[in-house]
Amino acid sequence: MRTILFDFDGTVADTLPLIFTAFRSTFQQFLQEHYTDEQIVALFGPTETGILQNKLPSHVHDNALAHFYRVYTDEHSRIQNPENIRNMLDELHTAGIQMGIVTGKGRKSADISLREWGLDKYFSVVITGDEVTDPKPHPEGIFTAMQQLGATPEDTIFVGDSDADVLAGRAAGLQTVGVDWLLVTQKSGKFAPEPDYHFTDVRAFTDWILGR
């Protein structure tokens, strides 16, 4: 194995609580409606911009986006990404494994999280929802990342926390790894379909990758 492609939210970044807070605040401010975590997850697929454009009247789009990104950015100073995730990325990077991100989130919010938590140095490519026509479970983003990295299906795996991640990885011809090692993920039960491998512990995954 030479290349690992990761989903972002809920996989290598504990950003779902931040996303929930930012969407909840935005919907409360501009719709006067309260959204639960489950209701927000049900909206996932489009980027944050797409979600807000779908839910809000056009005349408030700009203000709503500005509000969302302000809250989302501020939350990074209140919550830090888990240390064991950083340790994993350090070890894999040191071992010479090239890593990339394929995420449905928009470019702006991805850049915010990568910058605020100092994660950008680990990933040679980041494909966001803004760079694809068809989001996961379509494999377009995975194919794009592999092409940019010069990777092949035989030496690449895809790691994520949702059914869409498993489906996208399979559609790209990759071995898939389902993870639920963060407290907040998109899953509410078993993966369907089942990934090729399943990890609930970051240390166990790292040791497996490094052949320990």
N, C-alpha and C. Protein backbone atom coordinates (compact mmCIF):
# COMPACT_ATOMS: atom_id res chain seq x y z
N MET A 1 0.84 -1.19 0.00
CA MET A 1 0.00 0.00 0.00
C MET A 1 0.88 1.25 0.00
N ARG A 2 0.59 2.14 -0.92
CA ARG A 2 1.40 3.35 -1.06
C ARG A 2 0.61 4.62 -0.79
N THR A 3 -0.70 4.54 -0.99
CA THR A 3 -1.54 5.74 -0.91
C THR A 3 -2.76 5.47 -0.06
N ILE A 4 -3.08 6.42 0.81
CA ILE A 4 -4.32 6.37 1.59
C ILE A 4 -5.12 7.63 1.29
N LEU A 5 -6.34 7.45 0.82
CA LEU A 5 -7.27 8.55 0.65
C LEU A 5 -8.27 8.52 1.80
N PHE A 6 -8.45 9.65 2.43
CA PHE A 6 -9.34 9.77 3.58
C PHE A 6 -10.53 10.66 3.25
N ASP A 7 -11.68 10.32 3.79
CA ASP A 7 -12.74 11.29 3.99
C ASP A 7 -12.22 12.29 5.03
N PHE A 8 -12.89 13.40 5.20
CA PHE A 8 -12.39 14.41 6.14
C PHE A 8 -13.24 14.47 7.41
N ASP A 9 -14.45 15.04 7.31
CA ASP A 9 -15.30 15.21 8.49
C ASP A 9 -15.64 13.86 9.12
N GLY A 10 -15.34 13.72 10.40
CA GLY A 10 -15.67 12.49 11.11
C GLY A 10 -14.68 11.37 10.90
N THR A 11 -13.62 11.63 10.11
CA THR A 11 -12.62 10.60 9.82
C THR A 11 -11.24 11.03 10.31
N VAL A 12 -10.67 12.07 9.71
CA VAL A 12 -9.40 12.60 10.22
C VAL A 12 -9.57 13.96 10.87
N ALA A 13 -10.79 14.49 10.87
CA ALA A 13 -11.05 15.78 11.51
C ALA A 13 -12.36 15.68 12.30
N ASP A 14 -12.29 16.01 13.56
CA ASP A 14 -13.47 15.95 14.43
C ASP A 14 -14.30 17.21 14.26
N THR A 15 -14.70 17.45 13.02
CA THR A 15 -15.36 18.69 12.65
C THR A 15 -16.88 18.62 12.69
N LEU A 16 -17.45 17.43 12.80
CA LEU A 16 -18.91 17.35 12.76
C LEU A 16 -19.58 18.18 13.86
N PRO A 17 -19.07 18.18 15.11
CA PRO A 17 -19.69 19.06 16.12
C PRO A 17 -19.64 20.53 15.72
N LEU A 18 -18.57 20.95 15.06
CA LEU A 18 -18.44 22.34 14.61
C LEU A 18 -19.43 22.64 13.50
N ILE A 19 -19.57 21.68 12.57
CA ILE A 19 -20.52 21.83 11.47
C ILE A 19 -21.94 21.92 12.00
N PHE A 20 -22.28 21.06 12.94
CA PHE A 20 -23.63 21.09 13.51
C PHE A 20 -23.92 22.44 14.17
N THR A 21 -22.94 22.94 14.93
CA THR A 21 -23.12 24.22 15.60
C THR A 21 -23.31 25.35 14.59
N ALA A 22 -22.50 25.35 13.53
CA ALA A 22 -22.58 26.42 12.53
C ALA A 22 -23.90 26.37 11.76
N PHE A 23 -24.33 25.19 11.35
CA PHE A 23 -25.61 25.08 10.64
C PHE A 23 -26.78 25.43 11.57
N ARG A 24 -26.72 24.92 12.79
CA ARG A 24 -27.83 25.17 13.73
C ARG A 24 -27.97 26.67 13.99
N SER A 25 -26.83 27.34 14.18
CA SER A 25 -26.86 28.78 14.42
C SER A 25 -27.40 29.53 13.20
N THR A 26 -26.99 29.10 12.02
CA THR A 26 -27.42 29.77 10.78
C THR A 26 -28.91 29.57 10.54
N PHE A 27 -29.40 28.35 10.73
CA PHE A 27 -30.83 28.09 10.53
C PHE A 27 -31.68 28.83 11.58
N GLN A 28 -31.17 28.90 12.80
CA GLN A 28 -31.89 29.62 13.84
C GLN A 28 -31.96 31.11 13.50
N GLN A 29 -30.84 31.63 13.01
CA GLN A 29 -30.75 33.06 12.71
C GLN A 29 -31.62 33.45 11.51
N PHE A 30 -31.63 32.61 10.48
CA PHE A 30 -32.25 33.01 9.21
C PHE A 30 -33.57 32.31 8.91
N LEU A 31 -33.87 31.22 9.63
CA LEU A 31 -35.16 30.54 9.45
C LEU A 31 -35.99 30.53 10.72
N GLN A 32 -35.35 30.88 11.85
CA GLN A 32 -36.00 30.77 13.16
C GLN A 32 -36.50 29.35 13.41
N GLU A 33 -35.67 28.38 12.97
CA GLU A 33 -36.00 26.97 13.16
C GLU A 33 -34.81 26.26 13.81
N HIS A 34 -35.11 25.28 14.68
CA HIS A 34 -34.06 24.50 15.33
C HIS A 34 -33.88 23.18 14.58
N TYR A 35 -32.63 22.89 14.21
CA TYR A 35 -32.31 21.64 13.52
C TYR A 35 -31.48 20.75 14.44
N THR A 36 -31.87 19.47 14.52
CA THR A 36 -31.10 18.51 15.30
C THR A 36 -29.89 18.05 14.48
N ASP A 37 -28.96 17.36 15.15
CA ASP A 37 -27.81 16.80 14.43
C ASP A 37 -28.27 15.87 13.32
N GLU A 38 -29.25 15.04 13.61
CA GLU A 38 -29.74 14.07 12.63
C GLU A 38 -30.36 14.77 11.42
N GLN A 39 -31.08 15.86 11.66
CA GLN A 39 -31.68 16.60 10.55
C GLN A 39 -30.60 17.25 9.69
N ILE A 40 -29.52 17.68 10.30
CA ILE A 40 -28.43 18.30 9.54
C ILE A 40 -27.69 17.24 8.72
N VAL A 41 -27.42 16.08 9.31
CA VAL A 41 -26.76 14.99 8.57
C VAL A 41 -27.58 14.62 7.34
N ALA A 42 -28.91 14.64 7.48
CA ALA A 42 -29.78 14.28 6.36
C ALA A 42 -29.65 15.24 5.18
N LEU A 43 -29.10 16.43 5.43
CA LEU A 43 -28.90 17.41 4.36
C LEU A 43 -27.58 17.23 3.64
N PHE A 44 -26.68 16.41 4.18
CA PHE A 44 -25.34 16.25 3.61
C PHE A 44 -25.42 15.68 2.19
N GLY A 45 -24.44 16.06 1.41
CA GLY A 45 -24.35 15.66 0.00
C GLY A 45 -23.79 16.84 -0.76
N PRO A 46 -24.58 17.94 -0.85
CA PRO A 46 -24.03 19.17 -1.42
C PRO A 46 -23.01 19.80 -0.45
N THR A 47 -22.25 20.77 -0.94
CA THR A 47 -21.38 21.54 -0.06
C THR A 47 -22.22 22.39 0.89
N GLU A 48 -21.55 23.05 1.83
CA GLU A 48 -22.27 23.94 2.75
C GLU A 48 -23.03 25.03 1.98
N THR A 49 -22.39 25.56 0.95
CA THR A 49 -23.06 26.58 0.13
C THR A 49 -24.33 26.02 -0.50
N GLY A 50 -24.22 24.81 -1.05
CA GLY A 50 -25.39 24.19 -1.66
C GLY A 50 -26.51 23.93 -0.67
N ILE A 51 -26.15 23.46 0.52
CA ILE A 51 -27.15 23.19 1.54
C ILE A 51 -27.89 24.47 1.93
N LEU A 52 -27.14 25.54 2.17
CA LEU A 52 -27.77 26.79 2.58
C LEU A 52 -28.60 27.40 1.45
N GLN A 53 -28.13 27.27 0.22
CA GLN A 53 -28.91 27.77 -0.91
C GLN A 53 -30.21 26.99 -1.08
N ASN A 54 -30.17 25.70 -0.77
CA ASN A 54 -31.37 24.87 -0.88
C ASN A 54 -32.40 25.20 0.20
N LYS A 55 -31.93 25.61 1.38
CA LYS A 55 -32.82 25.77 2.53
C LYS A 55 -33.28 27.21 2.76
N LEU A 56 -32.52 28.18 2.24
CA LEU A 56 -32.80 29.57 2.59
C LEU A 56 -33.21 30.38 1.36
N PRO A 57 -34.02 31.44 1.55
CA PRO A 57 -34.39 32.30 0.43
C PRO A 57 -33.16 33.02 -0.13
N SER A 58 -33.17 33.29 -1.41
CA SER A 58 -31.98 33.79 -2.11
C SER A 58 -31.48 35.11 -1.56
N HIS A 59 -32.37 35.95 -1.05
CA HIS A 59 -31.94 37.28 -0.61
C HIS A 59 -31.10 37.25 0.67
N VAL A 60 -31.04 36.11 1.36
CA VAL A 60 -30.22 36.03 2.57
C VAL A 60 -28.99 35.14 2.39
N HIS A 61 -28.78 34.62 1.19
CA HIS A 61 -27.69 33.67 0.96
C HIS A 61 -26.33 34.22 1.39
N ASP A 62 -25.99 35.42 0.95
CA ASP A 62 -24.67 35.96 1.26
C ASP A 62 -24.47 36.15 2.76
N ASN A 63 -25.46 36.72 3.42
CA ASN A 63 -25.36 36.93 4.87
C ASN A 63 -25.33 35.61 5.63
N ALA A 64 -26.10 34.64 5.16
CA ALA A 64 -26.14 33.34 5.83
C ALA A 64 -24.80 32.63 5.69
N LEU A 65 -24.20 32.68 4.51
CA LEU A 65 -22.89 32.06 4.32
C LEU A 65 -21.83 32.72 5.19
N ALA A 66 -21.86 34.04 5.25
CA ALA A 66 -20.90 34.76 6.09
C ALA A 66 -21.07 34.36 7.55
N HIS A 67 -22.31 34.24 7.99
CA HIS A 67 -22.60 33.82 9.36
C HIS A 67 -22.09 32.41 9.62
N PHE A 68 -22.38 31.50 8.68
CA PHE A 68 -21.95 30.11 8.83
C PHE A 68 -20.44 30.03 8.98
N TYR A 69 -19.69 30.67 8.07
CA TYR A 69 -18.23 30.56 8.10
C TYR A 69 -17.65 31.25 9.34
N ARG A 70 -18.27 32.29 9.81
CA ARG A 70 -17.78 32.96 11.03
C ARG A 70 -17.92 32.03 12.24
N VAL A 71 -19.08 31.43 12.38
CA VAL A 71 -19.28 30.51 13.51
C VAL A 71 -18.37 29.30 13.38
N TYR A 72 -18.29 28.74 12.17
CA TYR A 72 -17.47 27.55 11.93
C TYR A 72 -16.00 27.82 12.26
N THR A 73 -15.48 28.96 11.82
CA THR A 73 -14.09 29.30 12.11
C THR A 73 -13.86 29.47 13.60
N ASP A 74 -14.74 30.20 14.26
CA ASP A 74 -14.58 30.46 15.69
C ASP A 74 -14.58 29.18 16.52
N GLU A 75 -15.34 28.17 16.08
CA GLU A 75 -15.43 26.92 16.85
C GLU A 75 -14.09 26.18 16.89
N HIS A 76 -13.21 26.42 15.92
CA HIS A 76 -11.92 25.73 15.91
C HIS A 76 -11.03 26.14 17.07
N SER A 77 -11.23 27.34 17.59
CA SER A 77 -10.43 27.77 18.74
C SER A 77 -10.99 27.21 20.04
N ARG A 78 -12.22 26.75 20.00
CA ARG A 78 -12.86 26.19 21.20
C ARG A 78 -12.65 24.68 21.30
N ILE A 79 -12.52 24.01 20.15
CA ILE A 79 -12.36 22.56 20.10
C ILE A 79 -11.10 22.23 19.31
N GLN A 80 -10.29 21.34 19.81
CA GLN A 80 -9.08 20.91 19.11
C GLN A 80 -9.26 19.51 18.54
N ASN A 81 -8.61 19.24 17.42
CA ASN A 81 -8.67 17.90 16.85
C ASN A 81 -7.93 16.93 17.76
N PRO A 82 -8.42 15.69 17.89
CA PRO A 82 -7.80 14.73 18.82
C PRO A 82 -6.32 14.50 18.54
N GLU A 83 -5.56 14.39 19.61
CA GLU A 83 -4.11 14.20 19.49
C GLU A 83 -3.78 12.88 18.82
N ASN A 84 -4.59 11.84 19.06
CA ASN A 84 -4.27 10.55 18.46
C ASN A 84 -4.40 10.57 16.94
N ILE A 85 -5.27 11.45 16.40
CA ILE A 85 -5.35 11.60 14.95
C ILE A 85 -4.07 12.22 14.41
N ARG A 86 -3.58 13.25 15.09
CA ARG A 86 -2.33 13.89 14.66
C ARG A 86 -1.17 12.90 14.74
N ASN A 87 -1.14 12.11 15.79
CA ASN A 87 -0.07 11.11 15.93
C ASN A 87 -0.11 10.11 14.77
N MET A 88 -1.32 9.68 14.39
CA MET A 88 -1.48 8.76 13.27
C MET A 88 -0.94 9.39 11.98
N LEU A 89 -1.34 10.62 11.72
CA LEU A 89 -0.91 11.29 10.50
C LEU A 89 0.61 11.50 10.50
N ASP A 90 1.17 11.82 11.66
CA ASP A 90 2.63 11.97 11.77
C ASP A 90 3.34 10.67 11.40
N GLU A 91 2.86 9.56 11.95
CA GLU A 91 3.51 8.26 11.72
C GLU A 91 3.38 7.83 10.26
N LEU A 92 2.21 8.00 9.69
CA LEU A 92 2.02 7.60 8.30
C LEU A 92 2.85 8.48 7.36
N HIS A 93 2.90 9.75 7.66
CA HIS A 93 3.69 10.68 6.85
C HIS A 93 5.17 10.34 6.92
N THR A 94 5.64 10.04 8.13
CA THR A 94 7.04 9.68 8.33
C THR A 94 7.39 8.38 7.61
N ALA A 95 6.41 7.47 7.53
CA ALA A 95 6.63 6.18 6.87
C ALA A 95 6.63 6.31 5.35
N GLY A 96 6.36 7.49 4.84
CA GLY A 96 6.43 7.70 3.39
C GLY A 96 5.15 7.38 2.65
N ILE A 97 4.05 7.21 3.37
CA ILE A 97 2.77 6.95 2.72
C ILE A 97 2.17 8.27 2.26
N GLN A 98 1.83 8.37 0.98
CA GLN A 98 1.21 9.60 0.51
C GLN A 98 -0.27 9.58 0.85
N MET A 99 -0.78 10.72 1.27
CA MET A 99 -2.15 10.80 1.76
C MET A 99 -2.91 11.93 1.07
N GLY A 100 -4.18 11.69 0.86
CA GLY A 100 -5.04 12.70 0.25
C GLY A 100 -6.40 12.72 0.92
N ILE A 101 -7.13 13.77 0.66
CA ILE A 101 -8.49 13.95 1.19
C ILE A 101 -9.48 13.98 0.03
N VAL A 102 -10.58 13.26 0.17
CA VAL A 102 -11.71 13.38 -0.75
C VAL A 102 -12.94 13.63 0.11
N THR A 103 -13.45 14.85 0.07
CA THR A 103 -14.51 15.26 0.98
C THR A 103 -15.63 15.94 0.23
N GLY A 104 -16.82 15.85 0.78
CA GLY A 104 -17.96 16.54 0.20
C GLY A 104 -18.07 17.99 0.64
N LYS A 105 -17.28 18.38 1.66
CA LYS A 105 -17.37 19.75 2.14
C LYS A 105 -16.79 20.71 1.11
N GLY A 106 -17.17 21.97 1.21
CA GLY A 106 -16.70 22.96 0.26
C GLY A 106 -15.24 23.33 0.49
N ARG A 107 -14.64 23.93 -0.53
CA ARG A 107 -13.23 24.31 -0.45
C ARG A 107 -12.96 25.28 0.70
N LYS A 108 -13.81 26.26 0.89
CA LYS A 108 -13.54 27.27 1.91
C LYS A 108 -13.53 26.67 3.30
N SER A 109 -14.52 25.83 3.62
CA SER A 109 -14.57 25.25 4.96
C SER A 109 -13.45 24.22 5.15
N ALA A 110 -13.10 23.50 4.09
CA ALA A 110 -11.98 22.56 4.19
C ALA A 110 -10.69 23.31 4.48
N ASP A 111 -10.46 24.41 3.77
CA ASP A 111 -9.25 25.19 4.00
C ASP A 111 -9.22 25.78 5.41
N ILE A 112 -10.38 26.18 5.91
CA ILE A 112 -10.44 26.71 7.29
C ILE A 112 -9.96 25.65 8.28
N SER A 113 -10.51 24.44 8.17
CA SER A 113 -10.16 23.38 9.12
C SER A 113 -8.70 22.94 8.97
N LEU A 114 -8.25 22.79 7.74
CA LEU A 114 -6.86 22.39 7.51
C LEU A 114 -5.89 23.42 8.09
N ARG A 115 -6.23 24.69 7.93
CA ARG A 115 -5.37 25.76 8.43
C ARG A 115 -5.45 25.89 9.96
N GLU A 116 -6.65 25.95 10.49
CA GLU A 116 -6.83 26.21 11.92
C GLU A 116 -6.26 25.09 12.77
N TRP A 117 -6.32 23.86 12.28
CA TRP A 117 -5.82 22.72 13.05
C TRP A 117 -4.47 22.21 12.55
N GLY A 118 -3.86 22.91 11.59
CA GLY A 118 -2.53 22.55 11.12
C GLY A 118 -2.44 21.18 10.47
N LEU A 119 -3.47 20.82 9.72
CA LEU A 119 -3.51 19.50 9.08
C LEU A 119 -3.05 19.52 7.63
N ASP A 120 -2.91 20.70 7.05
CA ASP A 120 -2.64 20.79 5.61
C ASP A 120 -1.31 20.16 5.21
N LYS A 121 -0.35 20.11 6.12
CA LYS A 121 0.98 19.60 5.76
C LYS A 121 0.99 18.09 5.49
N TYR A 122 -0.05 17.39 5.91
CA TYR A 122 -0.06 15.93 5.78
C TYR A 122 -0.57 15.45 4.43
N PHE A 123 -1.31 16.28 3.71
CA PHE A 123 -2.05 15.79 2.55
C PHE A 123 -1.53 16.40 1.25
N SER A 124 -1.19 15.51 0.32
CA SER A 124 -0.64 15.95 -0.96
C SER A 124 -1.72 16.45 -1.91
N VAL A 125 -2.94 16.04 -1.68
CA VAL A 125 -4.06 16.50 -2.51
C VAL A 125 -5.31 16.57 -1.64
N VAL A 126 -6.13 17.58 -1.90
CA VAL A 126 -7.42 17.72 -1.21
C VAL A 126 -8.47 18.01 -2.27
N ILE A 127 -9.38 17.06 -2.46
CA ILE A 127 -10.48 17.21 -3.42
C ILE A 127 -11.75 17.49 -2.62
N THR A 128 -12.36 18.64 -2.85
CA THR A 128 -13.57 19.02 -2.12
C THR A 128 -14.80 18.91 -3.01
N GLY A 129 -15.93 19.14 -2.41
CA GLY A 129 -17.18 19.08 -3.16
C GLY A 129 -17.27 20.12 -4.26
N ASP A 130 -16.45 21.18 -4.16
CA ASP A 130 -16.44 22.21 -5.19
C ASP A 130 -15.70 21.78 -6.44
N GLU A 131 -14.89 20.72 -6.32
CA GLU A 131 -14.08 20.29 -7.46
C GLU A 131 -14.68 19.11 -8.22
N VAL A 132 -15.87 18.67 -7.85
CA VAL A 132 -16.47 17.53 -8.53
C VAL A 132 -17.86 17.89 -9.04
N THR A 133 -18.28 17.18 -10.05
CA THR A 133 -19.66 17.32 -10.55
C THR A 133 -20.59 16.41 -9.77
N ASP A 134 -20.10 15.20 -9.46
CA ASP A 134 -20.92 14.22 -8.75
C ASP A 134 -20.27 13.89 -7.41
N PRO A 135 -20.94 14.20 -6.29
CA PRO A 135 -20.38 13.92 -4.97
C PRO A 135 -20.47 12.44 -4.62
N LYS A 136 -19.76 12.03 -3.56
CA LYS A 136 -19.89 10.66 -3.07
C LYS A 136 -21.36 10.35 -2.79
N PRO A 137 -21.82 9.14 -3.11
CA PRO A 137 -21.07 7.91 -3.35
C PRO A 137 -20.49 7.73 -4.76
N HIS A 138 -20.61 8.73 -5.62
CA HIS A 138 -19.95 8.66 -6.93
C HIS A 138 -18.44 8.71 -6.71
N PRO A 139 -17.66 7.95 -7.48
CA PRO A 139 -16.22 7.89 -7.26
C PRO A 139 -15.41 8.99 -7.94
N GLU A 140 -16.06 10.00 -8.51
CA GLU A 140 -15.34 11.02 -9.26
C GLU A 140 -14.19 11.63 -8.46
N GLY A 141 -14.46 12.02 -7.21
CA GLY A 141 -13.43 12.66 -6.40
C GLY A 141 -12.25 11.75 -6.13
N ILE A 142 -12.53 10.47 -5.92
CA ILE A 142 -11.46 9.50 -5.69
C ILE A 142 -10.60 9.35 -6.95
N PHE A 143 -11.25 9.22 -8.10
CA PHE A 143 -10.50 9.12 -9.35
C PHE A 143 -9.62 10.36 -9.58
N THR A 144 -10.16 11.53 -9.28
CA THR A 144 -9.40 12.77 -9.46
C THR A 144 -8.18 12.79 -8.55
N ALA A 145 -8.36 12.41 -7.30
CA ALA A 145 -7.25 12.39 -6.34
C ALA A 145 -6.18 11.40 -6.78
N MET A 146 -6.60 10.22 -7.20
CA MET A 146 -5.65 9.19 -7.63
C MET A 146 -4.86 9.66 -8.85
N GLN A 147 -5.54 10.30 -9.77
CA GLN A 147 -4.86 10.79 -10.96
C GLN A 147 -3.79 11.82 -10.59
N GLN A 148 -4.12 12.73 -9.67
CA GLN A 148 -3.17 13.76 -9.27
C GLN A 148 -1.98 13.17 -8.50
N LEU A 149 -2.22 12.07 -7.80
CA LEU A 149 -1.15 11.44 -7.01
C LEU A 149 -0.38 10.38 -7.79
N GLY A 150 -0.86 10.03 -8.97
CA GLY A 150 -0.24 8.95 -9.72
C GLY A 150 -0.45 7.60 -9.06
N ALA A 151 -1.58 7.44 -8.39
CA ALA A 151 -1.88 6.21 -7.64
C ALA A 151 -2.71 5.25 -8.48
N THR A 152 -2.65 3.97 -8.10
CA THR A 152 -3.44 2.94 -8.77
C THR A 152 -4.36 2.28 -7.75
N PRO A 153 -5.45 1.64 -8.19
CA PRO A 153 -6.34 0.96 -7.25
C PRO A 153 -5.63 -0.11 -6.43
N GLU A 154 -4.61 -0.72 -7.00
CA GLU A 154 -3.92 -1.82 -6.31
C GLU A 154 -3.12 -1.33 -5.11
N ASP A 155 -2.69 -0.06 -5.13
CA ASP A 155 -1.86 0.42 -4.02
C ASP A 155 -2.52 1.51 -3.20
N THR A 156 -3.88 1.60 -3.31
CA THR A 156 -4.61 2.68 -2.65
C THR A 156 -5.79 2.11 -1.85
N ILE A 157 -6.05 2.69 -0.68
CA ILE A 157 -7.27 2.37 0.07
C ILE A 157 -8.03 3.67 0.34
N PHE A 158 -9.34 3.52 0.58
CA PHE A 158 -10.16 4.68 0.94
C PHE A 158 -10.74 4.47 2.32
N VAL A 159 -10.62 5.50 3.15
CA VAL A 159 -11.01 5.42 4.57
C VAL A 159 -12.07 6.47 4.85
N GLY A 160 -13.20 6.04 5.43
CA GLY A 160 -14.25 7.01 5.74
C GLY A 160 -15.21 6.51 6.80
N ASP A 161 -16.11 7.40 7.20
CA ASP A 161 -17.01 7.08 8.32
C ASP A 161 -18.47 6.93 7.90
N SER A 162 -18.74 6.90 6.58
CA SER A 162 -20.13 6.84 6.13
C SER A 162 -20.33 5.77 5.07
N ASP A 163 -21.59 5.41 4.87
CA ASP A 163 -21.92 4.46 3.80
C ASP A 163 -21.50 5.00 2.44
N ALA A 164 -21.66 6.32 2.25
CA ALA A 164 -21.27 6.92 0.97
C ALA A 164 -19.78 6.75 0.70
N ASP A 165 -18.97 6.78 1.77
CA ASP A 165 -17.53 6.58 1.60
C ASP A 165 -17.23 5.16 1.13
N VAL A 166 -17.88 4.19 1.74
CA VAL A 166 -17.67 2.79 1.35
C VAL A 166 -18.11 2.57 -0.09
N LEU A 167 -19.26 3.11 -0.43
CA LEU A 167 -19.78 2.94 -1.79
C LEU A 167 -18.86 3.60 -2.82
N ALA A 168 -18.36 4.79 -2.49
CA ALA A 168 -17.47 5.50 -3.42
C ALA A 168 -16.17 4.74 -3.60
N GLY A 169 -15.61 4.25 -2.50
CA GLY A 169 -14.37 3.48 -2.58
C GLY A 169 -14.53 2.23 -3.40
N ARG A 170 -15.63 1.53 -3.19
CA ARG A 170 -15.90 0.31 -3.98
C ARG A 170 -16.06 0.64 -5.46
N ALA A 171 -16.78 1.73 -5.75
CA ALA A 171 -17.02 2.10 -7.14
C ALA A 171 -15.72 2.46 -7.85
N ALA A 172 -14.73 2.90 -7.06
CA ALA A 172 -13.42 3.24 -7.64
C ALA A 172 -12.50 2.03 -7.71
N GLY A 173 -12.97 0.87 -7.22
CA GLY A 173 -12.17 -0.34 -7.27
C GLY A 173 -11.14 -0.46 -6.17
N LEU A 174 -11.36 0.27 -5.06
CA LEU A 174 -10.40 0.26 -3.95
C LEU A 174 -10.85 -0.64 -2.81
N GLN A 175 -9.90 -1.07 -2.00
CA GLN A 175 -10.21 -1.65 -0.70
C GLN A 175 -10.73 -0.51 0.18
N THR A 176 -11.76 -0.79 0.96
CA THR A 176 -12.38 0.25 1.78
C THR A 176 -12.20 -0.03 3.26
N VAL A 177 -12.05 1.04 4.02
CA VAL A 177 -11.93 0.95 5.48
C VAL A 177 -12.99 1.86 6.10
N GLY A 178 -13.89 1.27 6.86
CA GLY A 178 -14.87 2.04 7.59
C GLY A 178 -14.37 2.31 9.00
N VAL A 179 -14.50 3.55 9.46
CA VAL A 179 -14.03 3.90 10.80
C VAL A 179 -15.13 4.60 11.59
N ASP A 180 -15.17 4.29 12.87
CA ASP A 180 -15.99 5.08 13.79
C ASP A 180 -15.22 5.26 15.09
N TRP A 181 -14.08 5.94 14.95
CA TRP A 181 -13.20 6.14 16.09
C TRP A 181 -13.35 7.51 16.73
N LEU A 182 -14.21 8.35 16.19
CA LEU A 182 -14.52 9.63 16.83
C LEU A 182 -15.89 9.55 17.50
N LEU A 183 -16.07 10.38 18.50
CA LEU A 183 -17.32 10.33 19.26
C LEU A 183 -18.52 10.68 18.39
N VAL A 184 -18.32 11.63 17.48
CA VAL A 184 -19.42 12.05 16.60
C VAL A 184 -19.06 11.69 15.16
N THR A 185 -19.84 10.81 14.55
CA THR A 185 -19.67 10.42 13.15
C THR A 185 -21.01 10.51 12.45
N GLN A 186 -21.00 10.19 11.15
CA GLN A 186 -22.26 10.20 10.39
C GLN A 186 -23.04 8.90 10.57
N LYS A 187 -22.41 7.91 11.19
CA LYS A 187 -23.06 6.61 11.31
C LYS A 187 -23.98 6.56 12.52
N SER A 188 -25.05 5.79 12.38
CA SER A 188 -25.94 5.50 13.51
C SER A 188 -26.23 4.00 13.51
N GLY A 189 -25.17 3.22 13.42
CA GLY A 189 -25.31 1.76 13.35
C GLY A 189 -24.26 1.17 12.44
N LYS A 190 -24.53 -0.02 11.92
CA LYS A 190 -23.57 -0.71 11.08
C LYS A 190 -23.47 -0.07 9.70
N PHE A 191 -22.31 -0.28 9.07
CA PHE A 191 -22.14 0.17 7.69
C PHE A 191 -22.99 -0.70 6.77
N ALA A 192 -23.54 -0.06 5.75
CA ALA A 192 -24.29 -0.79 4.73
C ALA A 192 -24.01 -0.13 3.38
N PRO A 193 -23.18 -0.77 2.56
CA PRO A 193 -22.60 -2.11 2.72
C PRO A 193 -21.42 -2.11 3.69
N GLU A 194 -21.02 -3.30 4.08
CA GLU A 194 -19.88 -3.46 4.97
C GLU A 194 -18.59 -3.11 4.24
N PRO A 195 -17.69 -2.36 4.87
CA PRO A 195 -16.38 -2.11 4.25
C PRO A 195 -15.53 -3.38 4.31
N ASP A 196 -14.42 -3.35 3.60
CA ASP A 196 -13.50 -4.49 3.65
C ASP A 196 -12.87 -4.64 5.03
N TYR A 197 -12.62 -3.51 5.68
CA TYR A 197 -12.04 -3.51 7.02
C TYR A 197 -12.78 -2.47 7.85
N HIS A 198 -12.78 -2.69 9.17
CA HIS A 198 -13.51 -1.80 10.06
C HIS A 198 -12.65 -1.55 11.31
N PHE A 199 -12.46 -0.28 11.65
CA PHE A 199 -11.64 0.05 12.82
C PHE A 199 -12.39 1.04 13.71
N THR A 200 -12.30 0.78 15.01
CA THR A 200 -12.85 1.71 16.00
C THR A 200 -11.74 2.37 16.81
N ASP A 201 -10.49 2.03 16.49
CA ASP A 201 -9.35 2.52 17.25
C ASP A 201 -8.27 3.03 16.30
N VAL A 202 -7.84 4.26 16.51
CA VAL A 202 -6.84 4.89 15.64
C VAL A 202 -5.50 4.15 15.71
N ARG A 203 -5.11 3.74 16.92
CA ARG A 203 -3.84 3.06 17.10
C ARG A 203 -3.81 1.73 16.36
N ALA A 204 -4.91 1.00 16.43
CA ALA A 204 -4.99 -0.29 15.75
C ALA A 204 -4.89 -0.12 14.24
N PHE A 205 -5.54 0.92 13.72
CA PHE A 205 -5.46 1.19 12.28
C PHE A 205 -4.04 1.53 11.87
N THR A 206 -3.38 2.38 12.64
CA THR A 206 -2.00 2.78 12.31
C THR A 206 -1.07 1.58 12.32
N ASP A 207 -1.20 0.73 13.33
CA ASP A 207 -0.35 -0.46 13.41
C ASP A 207 -0.61 -1.39 12.23
N TRP A 208 -1.87 -1.50 11.84
CA TRP A 208 -2.23 -2.37 10.70
C TRP A 208 -1.59 -1.83 9.42
N ILE A 209 -1.69 -0.53 9.20
CA ILE A 209 -1.11 0.06 8.00
C ILE A 209 0.40 -0.14 7.97
N LEU A 210 1.05 0.01 9.11
CA LEU A 210 2.50 -0.07 9.16
C LEU A 210 3.00 -1.49 9.36
N GLY A 211 2.08 -2.47 9.33
CA GLY A 211 2.46 -3.88 9.37
C GLY A 211 2.96 -4.36 10.70
N ARG A 212 2.47 -3.72 11.78
CA ARG A 212 2.94 -4.12 13.11
C ARG A 212 2.06 -5.23 13.68
